[in-house]
Every structure is written in C-alpha cells, then in structure tokens.
Amino acid sequence: MGIVSLLISAFIMNLILGYFKPGFMNQPIAHSLALWNFLGMMLAGLSFTLAGGCPGRQLVLAGEGDSDAGLFFLGMLVGAGFSHNFMMAASPQGVSINGRIAVIVGLVSVVFIALGMREKL
C-alpha cells in the first residue's frame, strides 16, 4: 500500500505543478531518438550482463564486501562524470556526436570483451 500511495501522490503533485506530460514527446529531460535509446540501453544491458547483474545488485554486493562489485559501482560513477563533463550525455535536443561515438565504441568494446570471455568447448 505504501508504494501505491507514493505513486498516486507523485502523480497528483505532477498534475498540480504542471509537470505531467503524457507520451514520449516533449519530456523535460529526455530526447525521443529511438535508435540511440535502443543502442544505449543495449550497451547498458550487455555491460550489466557481463558484470553479473544489474547496478542495484552490484551496489548490494558492494555493501556486503564484494570488491569486484565495489569497483563496478565506482566505475559507473566515474563513467557518469565523464559523460557529463565531456558532453556525451544526451539532452532534450538529442544525442551529441560525442555521445554517439561513445555508444558505438562502447558496443564494440563490450562485444569484444564478451567474445574473449566465452568458454572454449
């Protein structure tokens, strides 16, 4: 019941403050370039799969003392800093050229890492 009441309260406050915008267009801090959304999420999914789980799981494992998970979480923080400081993060205007290059380089890197980590039969 707590989660339901939180969602209803947030919905009502967004309506009152004028922040509610239905649909995918004209969202305040998001772009609507489907290809780059897909490629970015594919990169995130492949990365999290190679790391052994989602970021939330990595944070819990880091809290339990798993140093690999701790390094993974620190890497996410450093990556977020790089993304915003070097104009790779997307904005409502779209994805910058730096962001597009980073996604492509990231996808190629993750695929090569995955191919190198597969078990030999």
PDB file of N, CA and C in Angstrom:
ATOM      1  N   MET A   1       0.834  -1.201   0.000  1.00  0.00           N
ATOM      2  CA  MET A   1       0.000   0.000   0.000  1.00  0.00           C
ATOM      3  C   MET A   1       0.870   1.254   0.000  1.00  0.00           C
ATOM      4  N   GLY A   2       2.043   1.165   0.609  1.00  0.00           N
ATOM      5  CA  GLY A   2       2.923   2.329   0.658  1.00  0.00           C
ATOM      6  C   GLY A   2       3.390   2.750  -0.725  1.00  0.00           C
ATOM      7  N   ILE A   3       3.752   1.772  -1.561  1.00  0.00           N
ATOM      8  CA  ILE A   3       4.210   2.083  -2.919  1.00  0.00           C
ATOM      9  C   ILE A   3       3.073   2.675  -3.741  1.00  0.00           C
ATOM     10  N   VAL A   4       1.887   2.122  -3.609  1.00  0.00           N
ATOM     11  CA  VAL A   4       0.727   2.630  -4.353  1.00  0.00           C
ATOM     12  C   VAL A   4       0.426   4.060  -3.941  1.00  0.00           C
ATOM     13  N   SER A   5       0.446   4.338  -2.643  1.00  0.00           N
ATOM     14  CA  SER A   5       0.168   5.702  -2.187  1.00  0.00           C
ATOM     15  C   SER A   5       1.258   6.666  -2.642  1.00  0.00           C
ATOM     16  N   LEU A   6       2.514   6.214  -2.696  1.00  0.00           N
ATOM     17  CA  LEU A   6       3.600   7.053  -3.196  1.00  0.00           C
ATOM     18  C   LEU A   6       3.391   7.397  -4.672  1.00  0.00           C
ATOM     19  N   LEU A   7       3.035   6.401  -5.477  1.00  0.00           N
ATOM     20  CA  LEU A   7       2.798   6.639  -6.903  1.00  0.00           C
ATOM     21  C   LEU A   7       1.618   7.578  -7.131  1.00  0.00           C
ATOM     22  N   ILE A   8       0.541   7.382  -6.384  1.00  0.00           N
ATOM     23  CA  ILE A   8      -0.637   8.243  -6.529  1.00  0.00           C
ATOM     24  C   ILE A   8      -0.309   9.668  -6.100  1.00  0.00           C
ATOM     25  N   SER A   9       0.423   9.819  -5.002  1.00  0.00           N
ATOM     26  CA  SER A   9       0.805  11.155  -4.530  1.00  0.00           C
ATOM     27  C   SER A   9       1.693  11.861  -5.545  1.00  0.00           C
ATOM     28  N   ALA A  10       2.679  11.150  -6.102  1.00  0.00           N
ATOM     29  CA  ALA A  10       3.561  11.746  -7.102  1.00  0.00           C
ATOM     30  C   ALA A  10       2.778  12.143  -8.347  1.00  0.00           C
ATOM     31  N   PHE A  11       1.844  11.310  -8.764  1.00  0.00           N
ATOM     32  CA  PHE A  11       1.014  11.618  -9.934  1.00  0.00           C
ATOM     33  C   PHE A  11       0.189  12.885  -9.693  1.00  0.00           C
ATOM     34  N   ILE A  12      -0.438  12.972  -8.533  1.00  0.00           N
ATOM     35  CA  ILE A  12      -1.273  14.137  -8.217  1.00  0.00           C
ATOM     36  C   ILE A  12      -0.428  15.412  -8.150  1.00  0.00           C
ATOM     37  N   MET A  13       0.748  15.340  -7.524  1.00  0.00           N
ATOM     38  CA  MET A  13       1.608  16.520  -7.427  1.00  0.00           C
ATOM     39  C   MET A  13       2.121  16.946  -8.798  1.00  0.00           C
ATOM     40  N   ASN A  14       2.432  15.991  -9.668  1.00  0.00           N
ATOM     41  CA  ASN A  14       2.850  16.347 -11.022  1.00  0.00           C
ATOM     42  C   ASN A  14       1.729  17.025 -11.786  1.00  0.00           C
ATOM     43  N   LEU A  15       0.497  16.584 -11.577  1.00  0.00           N
ATOM     44  CA  LEU A  15      -0.644  17.254 -12.204  1.00  0.00           C
ATOM     45  C   LEU A  15      -0.800  18.672 -11.666  1.00  0.00           C
ATOM     46  N   ILE A  16      -0.713  18.833 -10.363  1.00  0.00           N
ATOM     47  CA  ILE A  16      -0.892  20.144  -9.740  1.00  0.00           C
ATOM     48  C   ILE A  16       0.202  21.120 -10.192  1.00  0.00           C
ATOM     49  N   LEU A  17       1.448  20.667 -10.234  1.00  0.00           N
ATOM     50  CA  LEU A  17       2.565  21.543 -10.582  1.00  0.00           C
ATOM     51  C   LEU A  17       2.774  21.708 -12.080  1.00  0.00           C
ATOM     52  N   GLY A  18       2.010  20.978 -12.883  1.00  0.00           N
ATOM     53  CA  GLY A  18       2.110  21.118 -14.336  1.00  0.00           C
ATOM     54  C   GLY A  18       3.263  20.365 -14.965  1.00  0.00           C
ATOM     55  N   TYR A  19       3.826  19.381 -14.266  1.00  0.00           N
ATOM     56  CA  TYR A  19       4.935  18.602 -14.801  1.00  0.00           C
ATOM     57  C   TYR A  19       4.488  17.358 -15.547  1.00  0.00           C
ATOM     58  N   PHE A  20       3.222  17.025 -15.510  1.00  0.00           N
ATOM     59  CA  PHE A  20       2.740  15.805 -16.151  1.00  0.00           C
ATOM     60  C   PHE A  20       2.613  16.027 -17.647  1.00  0.00           C
ATOM     61  N   LYS A  21       3.321  15.215 -18.415  1.00  0.00           N
ATOM     62  CA  LYS A  21       3.262  15.278 -19.878  1.00  0.00           C
ATOM     63  C   LYS A  21       3.111  13.849 -20.383  1.00  0.00           C
ATOM     64  N   PRO A  22       1.908  13.461 -20.814  1.00  0.00           N
ATOM     65  CA  PRO A  22       1.717  12.079 -21.277  1.00  0.00           C
ATOM     66  C   PRO A  22       2.456  11.818 -22.591  1.00  0.00           C
ATOM     67  N   GLY A  23       2.891  10.596 -22.770  1.00  0.00           N
ATOM     68  CA  GLY A  23       3.571  10.212 -24.002  1.00  0.00           C
ATOM     69  C   GLY A  23       5.072  10.379 -23.911  1.00  0.00           C
ATOM     70  N   PHE A  24       5.734  10.137 -25.034  1.00  0.00           N
ATOM     71  CA  PHE A  24       7.190  10.201 -25.068  1.00  0.00           C
ATOM     72  C   PHE A  24       7.716  11.533 -25.584  1.00  0.00           C
ATOM     73  N   MET A  25       6.901  12.324 -26.225  1.00  0.00           N
ATOM     74  CA  MET A  25       7.352  13.589 -26.793  1.00  0.00           C
ATOM     75  C   MET A  25       7.309  14.694 -25.746  1.00  0.00           C
ATOM     76  N   ASN A  26       8.217  15.653 -25.877  1.00  0.00           N
ATOM     77  CA  ASN A  26       8.280  16.852 -25.041  1.00  0.00           C
ATOM     78  C   ASN A  26       8.462  16.560 -23.558  1.00  0.00           C
ATOM     79  N   GLN A  27       9.204  15.520 -23.239  1.00  0.00           N
ATOM     80  CA  GLN A  27       9.523  15.254 -21.843  1.00  0.00           C
ATOM     81  C   GLN A  27      10.631  16.223 -21.418  1.00  0.00           C
ATOM     82  N   PRO A  28      10.679  16.619 -20.152  1.00  0.00           N
ATOM     83  CA  PRO A  28      11.578  17.695 -19.748  1.00  0.00           C
ATOM     84  C   PRO A  28      13.070  17.414 -19.893  1.00  0.00           C
ATOM     85  N   ILE A  29      13.540  16.206 -19.643  1.00  0.00           N
ATOM     86  CA  ILE A  29      14.984  15.951 -19.729  1.00  0.00           C
ATOM     87  C   ILE A  29      15.292  14.727 -20.586  1.00  0.00           C
ATOM     88  N   ALA A  30      14.473  14.462 -21.579  1.00  0.00           N
ATOM     89  CA  ALA A  30      14.676  13.271 -22.404  1.00  0.00           C
ATOM     90  C   ALA A  30      14.545  13.625 -23.880  1.00  0.00           C
ATOM     91  N   HIS A  31      15.222  12.862 -24.699  1.00  0.00           N
ATOM     92  CA  HIS A  31      15.084  13.009 -26.149  1.00  0.00           C
ATOM     93  C   HIS A  31      14.235  11.860 -26.671  1.00  0.00           C
ATOM     94  N   SER A  32      13.844  11.942 -27.923  1.00  0.00           N
ATOM     95  CA  SER A  32      12.968  10.913 -28.481  1.00  0.00           C
ATOM     96  C   SER A  32      13.603  10.214 -29.688  1.00  0.00           C
ATOM     97  N   LEU A  33      14.922  10.098 -29.688  1.00  0.00           N
ATOM     98  CA  LEU A  33      15.618   9.406 -30.768  1.00  0.00           C
ATOM     99  C   LEU A  33      15.650   7.919 -30.450  1.00  0.00           C
ATOM    100  N   ALA A  34      14.734   7.171 -31.037  1.00  0.00           N
ATOM    101  CA  ALA A  34      14.537   5.760 -30.697  1.00  0.00           C
ATOM    102  C   ALA A  34      15.791   4.914 -30.937  1.00  0.00           C
ATOM    103  N   LEU A  35      16.497   5.157 -32.030  1.00  0.00           N
ATOM    104  CA  LEU A  35      17.685   4.356 -32.338  1.00  0.00           C
ATOM    105  C   LEU A  35      18.734   4.496 -31.239  1.00  0.00           C
ATOM    106  N   TRP A  36      19.005   5.724 -30.816  1.00  0.00           N
ATOM    107  CA  TRP A  36      20.037   5.944 -29.804  1.00  0.00           C
ATOM    108  C   TRP A  36      19.565   5.499 -28.427  1.00  0.00           C
ATOM    109  N   ASN A  37      18.270   5.577 -28.156  1.00  0.00           N
ATOM    110  CA  ASN A  37      17.743   4.998 -26.916  1.00  0.00           C
ATOM    111  C   ASN A  37      17.987   3.492 -26.909  1.00  0.00           C
ATOM    112  N   PHE A  38      17.670   2.834 -28.016  1.00  0.00           N
ATOM    113  CA  PHE A  38      17.845   1.386 -28.120  1.00  0.00           C
ATOM    114  C   PHE A  38      19.312   0.996 -27.987  1.00  0.00           C
ATOM    115  N   LEU A  39      20.198   1.677 -28.734  1.00  0.00           N
ATOM    116  CA  LEU A  39      21.620   1.329 -28.698  1.00  0.00           C
ATOM    117  C   LEU A  39      22.220   1.585 -27.317  1.00  0.00           C
ATOM    118  N   GLY A  40      21.830   2.677 -26.670  1.00  0.00           N
ATOM    119  CA  GLY A  40      22.332   2.962 -25.336  1.00  0.00           C
ATOM    120  C   GLY A  40      21.883   1.932 -24.323  1.00  0.00           C
ATOM    121  N   MET A  41      20.631   1.521 -24.408  1.00  0.00           N
ATOM    122  CA  MET A  41      20.134   0.502 -23.477  1.00  0.00           C
ATOM    123  C   MET A  41      20.716  -0.873 -23.795  1.00  0.00           C
ATOM    124  N   MET A  42      21.011  -1.131 -25.063  1.00  0.00           N
ATOM    125  CA  MET A  42      21.660  -2.386 -25.427  1.00  0.00           C
ATOM    126  C   MET A  42      23.074  -2.412 -24.826  1.00  0.00           C
ATOM    127  N   LEU A  43      23.773  -1.294 -24.891  1.00  0.00           N
ATOM    128  CA  LEU A  43      25.099  -1.203 -24.283  1.00  0.00           C
ATOM    129  C   LEU A  43      25.014  -1.408 -22.777  1.00  0.00           C
ATOM    130  N   ALA A  44      24.048  -0.782 -22.139  1.00  0.00           N
ATOM    131  CA  ALA A  44      23.880  -0.944 -20.694  1.00  0.00           C
ATOM    132  C   ALA A  44      23.558  -2.398 -20.347  1.00  0.00           C
ATOM    133  N   GLY A  45      22.648  -3.009 -21.082  1.00  0.00           N
ATOM    134  CA  GLY A  45      22.264  -4.392 -20.811  1.00  0.00           C
ATOM    135  C   GLY A  45      23.420  -5.367 -20.989  1.00  0.00           C
ATOM    136  N   LEU A  46      24.186  -5.205 -22.062  1.00  0.00           N
ATOM    137  CA  LEU A  46      25.341  -6.078 -22.278  1.00  0.00           C
ATOM    138  C   LEU A  46      26.380  -5.886 -21.184  1.00  0.00           C
ATOM    139  N   SER A  47      26.604  -4.641 -20.798  1.00  0.00           N
ATOM    140  CA  SER A  47      27.585  -4.355 -19.746  1.00  0.00           C
ATOM    141  C   SER A  47      27.164  -4.966 -18.420  1.00  0.00           C
ATOM    142  N   PHE A  48      25.885  -4.807 -18.070  1.00  0.00           N
ATOM    143  CA  PHE A  48      25.410  -5.349 -16.803  1.00  0.00           C
ATOM    144  C   PHE A  48      25.416  -6.876 -16.819  1.00  0.00           C
ATOM    145  N   THR A  49      25.158  -7.472 -17.970  1.00  0.00           N
ATOM    146  CA  THR A  49      25.203  -8.925 -18.078  1.00  0.00           C
ATOM    147  C   THR A  49      26.623  -9.431 -17.852  1.00  0.00           C
ATOM    148  N   LEU A  50      27.598  -8.764 -18.455  1.00  0.00           N
ATOM    149  CA  LEU A  50      28.987  -9.170 -18.263  1.00  0.00           C
ATOM    150  C   LEU A  50      29.442  -8.958 -16.823  1.00  0.00           C
ATOM    151  N   ALA A  51      28.872  -7.955 -16.154  1.00  0.00           N
ATOM    152  CA  ALA A  51      29.247  -7.666 -14.768  1.00  0.00           C
ATOM    153  C   ALA A  51      28.597  -8.633 -13.791  1.00  0.00           C
ATOM    154  N   GLY A  52      27.586  -9.341 -14.221  1.00  0.00           N
ATOM    155  CA  GLY A  52      26.951 -10.314 -13.347  1.00  0.00           C
ATOM    156  C   GLY A  52      25.662  -9.849 -12.714  1.00  0.00           C
ATOM    157  N   GLY A  53      25.097  -8.784 -13.184  1.00  0.00           N
ATOM    158  CA  GLY A  53      23.815  -8.351 -12.635  1.00  0.00           C
ATOM    159  C   GLY A  53      23.588  -6.862 -12.784  1.00  0.00           C
ATOM    160  N   CYS A  54      22.423  -6.444 -12.381  1.00  0.00           N
ATOM    161  CA  CYS A  54      22.025  -5.046 -12.524  1.00  0.00           C
ATOM    162  C   CYS A  54      22.787  -4.163 -11.532  1.00  0.00           C
ATOM    163  N   PRO A  55      22.776  -2.846 -11.736  1.00  0.00           N
ATOM    164  CA  PRO A  55      23.513  -1.941 -10.848  1.00  0.00           C
ATOM    165  C   PRO A  55      23.048  -2.019  -9.395  1.00  0.00           C
ATOM    166  N   GLY A  56      21.762  -2.220  -9.178  1.00  0.00           N
ATOM    167  CA  GLY A  56      21.270  -2.351  -7.806  1.00  0.00           C
ATOM    168  C   GLY A  56      21.878  -3.551  -7.113  1.00  0.00           C
ATOM    169  N   ARG A  57      21.965  -4.651  -7.826  1.00  0.00           N
ATOM    170  CA  ARG A  57      22.579  -5.861  -7.265  1.00  0.00           C
ATOM    171  C   ARG A  57      24.050  -5.622  -6.968  1.00  0.00           C
ATOM    172  N   GLN A  58      24.733  -4.901  -7.867  1.00  0.00           N
ATOM    173  CA  GLN A  58      26.146  -4.604  -7.651  1.00  0.00           C
ATOM    174  C   GLN A  58      26.343  -3.736  -6.407  1.00  0.00           C
ATOM    175  N   LEU A  59      25.432  -2.805  -6.183  1.00  0.00           N
ATOM    176  CA  LEU A  59      25.522  -1.950  -5.001  1.00  0.00           C
ATOM    177  C   LEU A  59      25.326  -2.769  -3.726  1.00  0.00           C
ATOM    178  N   VAL A  60      24.363  -3.686  -3.748  1.00  0.00           N
ATOM    179  CA  VAL A  60      24.139  -4.553  -2.586  1.00  0.00           C
ATOM    180  C   VAL A  60      25.367  -5.437  -2.350  1.00  0.00           C
ATOM    181  N   LEU A  61      25.904  -6.018  -3.418  1.00  0.00           N
ATOM    182  CA  LEU A  61      27.097  -6.857  -3.269  1.00  0.00           C
ATOM    183  C   LEU A  61      28.287  -6.049  -2.750  1.00  0.00           C
ATOM    184  N   ALA A  62      28.417  -4.811  -3.210  1.00  0.00           N
ATOM    185  CA  ALA A  62      29.493  -3.950  -2.707  1.00  0.00           C
ATOM    186  C   ALA A  62      29.323  -3.692  -1.217  1.00  0.00           C
ATOM    187  N   GLY A  63      28.083  -3.501  -0.798  1.00  0.00           N
ATOM    188  CA  GLY A  63      27.805  -3.313   0.620  1.00  0.00           C
ATOM    189  C   GLY A  63      28.110  -4.550   1.445  1.00  0.00           C
ATOM    190  N   GLU A  64      28.057  -5.704   0.821  1.00  0.00           N
ATOM    191  CA  GLU A  64      28.377  -6.960   1.508  1.00  0.00           C
ATOM    192  C   GLU A  64      29.871  -7.257   1.486  1.00  0.00           C
ATOM    193  N   GLY A  65      30.657  -6.388   0.837  1.00  0.00           N
ATOM    194  CA  GLY A  65      32.102  -6.564   0.837  1.00  0.00           C
ATOM    195  C   GLY A  65      32.688  -7.133  -0.433  1.00  0.00           C
ATOM    196  N   ASP A  66      31.912  -7.277  -1.485  1.00  0.00           N
ATOM    197  CA  ASP A  66      32.427  -7.798  -2.753  1.00  0.00           C
ATOM    198  C   ASP A  66      33.213  -6.685  -3.451  1.00  0.00           C
ATOM    199  N   SER A  67      34.530  -6.821  -3.532  1.00  0.00           N
ATOM    200  CA  SER A  67      35.363  -5.756  -4.097  1.00  0.00           C
ATOM    201  C   SER A  67      35.141  -5.588  -5.599  1.00  0.00           C
ATOM    202  N   ASP A  68      34.844  -6.668  -6.318  1.00  0.00           N
ATOM    203  CA  ASP A  68      34.552  -6.540  -7.753  1.00  0.00           C
ATOM    204  C   ASP A  68      33.317  -5.667  -7.974  1.00  0.00           C
ATOM    205  N   ALA A  69      32.294  -5.894  -7.174  1.00  0.00           N
ATOM    206  CA  ALA A  69      31.074  -5.097  -7.294  1.00  0.00           C
ATOM    207  C   ALA A  69      31.341  -3.650  -6.899  1.00  0.00           C
ATOM    208  N   GLY A  70      32.197  -3.448  -5.901  1.00  0.00           N
ATOM    209  CA  GLY A  70      32.547  -2.085  -5.499  1.00  0.00           C
ATOM    210  C   GLY A  70      33.259  -1.338  -6.614  1.00  0.00           C
ATOM    211  N   LEU A  71      34.186  -2.012  -7.283  1.00  0.00           N
ATOM    212  CA  LEU A  71      34.878  -1.388  -8.414  1.00  0.00           C
ATOM    213  C   LEU A  71      33.916  -1.121  -9.568  1.00  0.00           C
ATOM    214  N   PHE A  72      32.991  -2.034  -9.793  1.00  0.00           N
ATOM    215  CA  PHE A  72      31.996  -1.824 -10.838  1.00  0.00           C
ATOM    216  C   PHE A  72      31.177  -0.575 -10.536  1.00  0.00           C
ATOM    217  N   PHE A  73      30.736  -0.432  -9.282  1.00  0.00           N
ATOM    218  CA  PHE A  73      29.935   0.727  -8.900  1.00  0.00           C
ATOM    219  C   PHE A  73      30.743   2.022  -9.017  1.00  0.00           C
ATOM    220  N   LEU A  74      32.012   2.000  -8.591  1.00  0.00           N
ATOM    221  CA  LEU A  74      32.855   3.183  -8.754  1.00  0.00           C
ATOM    222  C   LEU A  74      33.054   3.507 -10.237  1.00  0.00           C
ATOM    223  N   GLY A  75      33.168   2.472 -11.062  1.00  0.00           N
ATOM    224  CA  GLY A  75      33.288   2.687 -12.498  1.00  0.00           C
ATOM    225  C   GLY A  75      32.055   3.354 -13.084  1.00  0.00           C
ATOM    226  N   MET A  76      30.876   2.979 -12.570  1.00  0.00           N
ATOM    227  CA  MET A  76      29.650   3.643 -13.037  1.00  0.00           C
ATOM    228  C   MET A  76      29.657   5.115 -12.656  1.00  0.00           C
ATOM    229  N   LEU A  77      30.123   5.429 -11.444  1.00  0.00           N
ATOM    230  CA  LEU A  77      30.181   6.833 -11.019  1.00  0.00           C
ATOM    231  C   LEU A  77      31.165   7.638 -11.871  1.00  0.00           C
ATOM    232  N   VAL A  78      32.338   7.065 -12.125  1.00  0.00           N
ATOM    233  CA  VAL A  78      33.331   7.744 -12.959  1.00  0.00           C
ATOM    234  C   VAL A  78      32.795   7.906 -14.385  1.00  0.00           C
ATOM    235  N   GLY A  79      32.133   6.866 -14.896  1.00  0.00           N
ATOM    236  CA  GLY A  79      31.550   6.942 -16.247  1.00  0.00           C
ATOM    237  C   GLY A  79      30.496   8.027 -16.351  1.00  0.00           C
ATOM    238  N   ALA A  80      29.678   8.175 -15.318  1.00  0.00           N
ATOM    239  CA  ALA A  80      28.674   9.240 -15.320  1.00  0.00           C
ATOM    240  C   ALA A  80      29.349  10.602 -15.326  1.00  0.00           C
ATOM    241  N   GLY A  81      30.417  10.746 -14.559  1.00  0.00           N
ATOM    242  CA  GLY A  81      31.163  12.009 -14.548  1.00  0.00           C
ATOM    243  C   GLY A  81      31.759  12.322 -15.910  1.00  0.00           C
ATOM    244  N   PHE A  82      32.371  11.315 -16.549  1.00  0.00           N
ATOM    245  CA  PHE A  82      32.915  11.512 -17.890  1.00  0.00           C
ATOM    246  C   PHE A  82      31.820  11.912 -18.870  1.00  0.00           C
ATOM    247  N   SER A  83      30.692  11.239 -18.791  1.00  0.00           N
ATOM    248  CA  SER A  83      29.601  11.507 -19.732  1.00  0.00           C
ATOM    249  C   SER A  83      29.145  12.953 -19.666  1.00  0.00           C
ATOM    250  N   HIS A  84      29.014  13.471 -18.470  1.00  0.00           N
ATOM    251  CA  HIS A  84      28.519  14.833 -18.328  1.00  0.00           C
ATOM    252  C   HIS A  84      29.605  15.869 -18.567  1.00  0.00           C
ATOM    253  N   ASN A  85      30.840  15.599 -18.188  1.00  0.00           N
ATOM    254  CA  ASN A  85      31.912  16.579 -18.365  1.00  0.00           C
ATOM    255  C   ASN A  85      32.421  16.663 -19.797  1.00  0.00           C
ATOM    256  N   PHE A  86      32.312  15.587 -20.556  1.00  0.00           N
ATOM    257  CA  PHE A  86      32.811  15.586 -21.926  1.00  0.00           C
ATOM    258  C   PHE A  86      31.683  15.571 -22.953  1.00  0.00           C
ATOM    259  N   MET A  87      30.540  16.095 -22.570  1.00  0.00           N
ATOM    260  CA  MET A  87      29.386  16.298 -23.463  1.00  0.00           C
ATOM    261  C   MET A  87      28.950  15.019 -24.176  1.00  0.00           C
ATOM    262  N   MET A  88      28.927  13.905 -23.453  1.00  0.00           N
ATOM    263  CA  MET A  88      28.452  12.650 -24.015  1.00  0.00           C
ATOM    264  C   MET A  88      27.029  12.340 -23.587  1.00  0.00           C
ATOM    265  N   ALA A  89      26.557  12.965 -22.527  1.00  0.00           N
ATOM    266  CA  ALA A  89      25.211  12.711 -22.027  1.00  0.00           C
ATOM    267  C   ALA A  89      24.188  13.362 -22.958  1.00  0.00           C
ATOM    268  N   ALA A  90      23.079  12.699 -23.158  1.00  0.00           N
ATOM    269  CA  ALA A  90      22.025  13.215 -24.026  1.00  0.00           C
ATOM    270  C   ALA A  90      21.275  14.341 -23.328  1.00  0.00           C
ATOM    271  N   SER A  91      20.581  15.125 -24.119  1.00  0.00           N
ATOM    272  CA  SER A  91      19.768  16.222 -23.608  1.00  0.00           C
ATOM    273  C   SER A  91      18.443  16.219 -24.371  1.00  0.00           C
ATOM    274  N   PRO A  92      17.519  17.093 -24.020  1.00  0.00           N
ATOM    275  CA  PRO A  92      16.262  17.133 -24.775  1.00  0.00           C
ATOM    276  C   PRO A  92      16.457  17.436 -26.268  1.00  0.00           C
ATOM    277  N   GLN A  93      17.590  18.045 -26.618  1.00  0.00           N
ATOM    278  CA  GLN A  93      17.858  18.338 -28.031  1.00  0.00           C
ATOM    279  C   GLN A  93      18.328  17.101 -28.793  1.00  0.00           C
ATOM    280  N   GLY A  94      18.732  16.062 -28.094  1.00  0.00           N
ATOM    281  CA  GLY A  94      19.164  14.839 -28.758  1.00  0.00           C
ATOM    282  C   GLY A  94      20.475  14.334 -28.205  1.00  0.00           C
ATOM    283  N   VAL A  95      21.128  13.468 -28.961  1.00  0.00           N
ATOM    284  CA  VAL A  95      22.393  12.865 -28.550  1.00  0.00           C
ATOM    285  C   VAL A  95      23.506  13.573 -29.313  1.00  0.00           C
ATOM    286  N   SER A  96      24.523  14.041 -28.575  1.00  0.00           N
ATOM    287  CA  SER A  96      25.631  14.747 -29.217  1.00  0.00           C
ATOM    288  C   SER A  96      26.492  13.765 -30.004  1.00  0.00           C
ATOM    289  N   ILE A  97      27.354  14.317 -30.838  1.00  0.00           N
ATOM    290  CA  ILE A  97      28.253  13.465 -31.619  1.00  0.00           C
ATOM    291  C   ILE A  97      29.186  12.698 -30.683  1.00  0.00           C
ATOM    292  N   ASN A  98      29.610  13.336 -29.581  1.00  0.00           N
ATOM    293  CA  ASN A  98      30.459  12.642 -28.602  1.00  0.00           C
ATOM    294  C   ASN A  98      29.713  11.457 -27.992  1.00  0.00           C
ATOM    295  N   GLY A  99      28.445  11.632 -27.712  1.00  0.00           N
ATOM    296  CA  GLY A  99      27.645  10.548 -27.155  1.00  0.00           C
ATOM    297  C   GLY A  99      27.474   9.409 -28.136  1.00  0.00           C
ATOM    298  N   ARG A 100      27.276   9.742 -29.391  1.00  0.00           N
ATOM    299  CA  ARG A 100      27.116   8.705 -30.416  1.00  0.00           C
ATOM    300  C   ARG A 100      28.401   7.898 -30.578  1.00  0.00           C
ATOM    301  N   ILE A 101      29.529   8.602 -30.589  1.00  0.00           N
ATOM    302  CA  ILE A 101      30.818   7.915 -30.700  1.00  0.00           C
ATOM    303  C   ILE A 101      31.036   7.021 -29.484  1.00  0.00           C
ATOM    304  N   ALA A 102      30.713   7.538 -28.297  1.00  0.00           N
ATOM    305  CA  ALA A 102      30.909   6.757 -27.068  1.00  0.00           C
ATOM    306  C   ALA A 102      30.058   5.492 -27.067  1.00  0.00           C
ATOM    307  N   VAL A 103      28.825   5.587 -27.546  1.00  0.00           N
ATOM    308  CA  VAL A 103      27.955   4.405 -27.584  1.00  0.00           C
ATOM    309  C   VAL A 103      28.504   3.364 -28.560  1.00  0.00           C
ATOM    310  N   ILE A 104      28.934   3.797 -29.716  1.00  0.00           N
ATOM    311  CA  ILE A 104      29.465   2.859 -30.712  1.00  0.00           C
ATOM    312  C   ILE A 104      30.754   2.214 -30.204  1.00  0.00           C
ATOM    313  N   VAL A 105      31.672   3.019 -29.656  1.00  0.00           N
ATOM    314  CA  VAL A 105      32.914   2.468 -29.109  1.00  0.00           C
ATOM    315  C   VAL A 105      32.600   1.519 -27.951  1.00  0.00           C
ATOM    316  N   GLY A 106      31.648   1.887 -27.113  1.00  0.00           N
ATOM    317  CA  GLY A 106      31.253   1.030 -26.001  1.00  0.00           C
ATOM    318  C   GLY A 106      30.686  -0.296 -26.468  1.00  0.00           C
ATOM    319  N   LEU A 107      29.817  -0.261 -27.480  1.00  0.00           N
ATOM    320  CA  LEU A 107      29.240  -1.510 -28.000  1.00  0.00           C
ATOM    321  C   LEU A 107      30.308  -2.424 -28.587  1.00  0.00           C
ATOM    322  N   VAL A 108      31.216  -1.848 -29.371  1.00  0.00           N
ATOM    323  CA  VAL A 108      32.293  -2.654 -29.956  1.00  0.00           C
ATOM    324  C   VAL A 108      33.166  -3.243 -28.855  1.00  0.00           C
ATOM    325  N   SER A 109      33.503  -2.435 -27.845  1.00  0.00           N
ATOM    326  CA  SER A 109      34.341  -2.909 -26.743  1.00  0.00           C
ATOM    327  C   SER A 109      33.670  -4.041 -25.974  1.00  0.00           C
ATOM    328  N   VAL A 110      32.394  -3.869 -25.648  1.00  0.00           N
ATOM    329  CA  VAL A 110      31.679  -4.876 -24.869  1.00  0.00           C
ATOM    330  C   VAL A 110      31.536  -6.179 -25.659  1.00  0.00           C
ATOM    331  N   VAL A 111      31.300  -6.089 -26.951  1.00  0.00           N
ATOM    332  CA  VAL A 111      31.185  -7.305 -27.768  1.00  0.00           C
ATOM    333  C   VAL A 111      32.526  -8.040 -27.810  1.00  0.00           C
ATOM    334  N   PHE A 112      33.641  -7.299 -27.969  1.00  0.00           N
ATOM    335  CA  PHE A 112      34.950  -7.952 -27.972  1.00  0.00           C
ATOM    336  C   PHE A 112      35.266  -8.574 -26.620  1.00  0.00           C
ATOM    337  N   ILE A 113      34.913  -7.897 -25.532  1.00  0.00           N
ATOM    338  CA  ILE A 113      35.128  -8.465 -24.202  1.00  0.00           C
ATOM    339  C   ILE A 113      34.300  -9.740 -24.044  1.00  0.00           C
ATOM    340  N   ALA A 114      33.043  -9.694 -24.485  1.00  0.00           N
ATOM    341  CA  ALA A 114      32.164 -10.862 -24.366  1.00  0.00           C
ATOM    342  C   ALA A 114      32.702 -12.040 -25.183  1.00  0.00           C
ATOM    343  N   LEU A 115      33.163 -11.764 -26.391  1.00  0.00           N
ATOM    344  CA  LEU A 115      33.711 -12.844 -27.217  1.00  0.00           C
ATOM    345  C   LEU A 115      34.979 -13.417 -26.598  1.00  0.00           C
ATOM    346  N   GLY A 116      35.773 -12.584 -25.963  1.00  0.00           N
ATOM    347  CA  GLY A 116      37.003 -13.053 -25.320  1.00  0.00           C
ATOM    348  C   GLY A 116      36.732 -13.834 -24.041  1.00  0.00           C
ATOM    349  N   MET A 117      35.598 -13.622 -23.410  1.00  0.00           N
ATOM    350  CA  MET A 117      35.285 -14.281 -22.142  1.00  0.00           C
ATOM    351  C   MET A 117      34.510 -15.582 -22.306  1.00  0.00           C
ATOM    352  N   ARG A 118      34.070 -15.895 -23.515  1.00  0.00           N
ATOM    353  CA  ARG A 118      33.252 -17.100 -23.665  1.00  0.00           C
ATOM    354  C   ARG A 118      34.090 -18.350 -23.430  1.00  0.00           C
ATOM    355  N   GLU A 119      33.403 -19.385 -22.969  1.00  0.00           N
ATOM    356  CA  GLU A 119      34.092 -20.626 -22.649  1.00  0.00           C
ATOM    357  C   GLU A 119      34.415 -21.399 -23.923  1.00  0.00           C
ATOM    358  N   LYS A 120      35.607 -21.927 -23.949  1.00  0.00           N
ATOM    359  CA  LYS A 120      36.021 -22.728 -25.103  1.00  0.00           C
ATOM    360  C   LYS A 120      35.476 -24.134 -24.954  1.00  0.00           C
ATOM    361  N   LEU A 121      34.947 -24.689 -26.037  1.00  0.00           N
ATOM    362  CA  LEU A 121      34.382 -26.046 -25.987  1.00  0.00           C
ATOM    363  C   LEU A 121      35.418 -27.078 -26.345  1.00  0.00           C
TER     364      LEU A 121
END
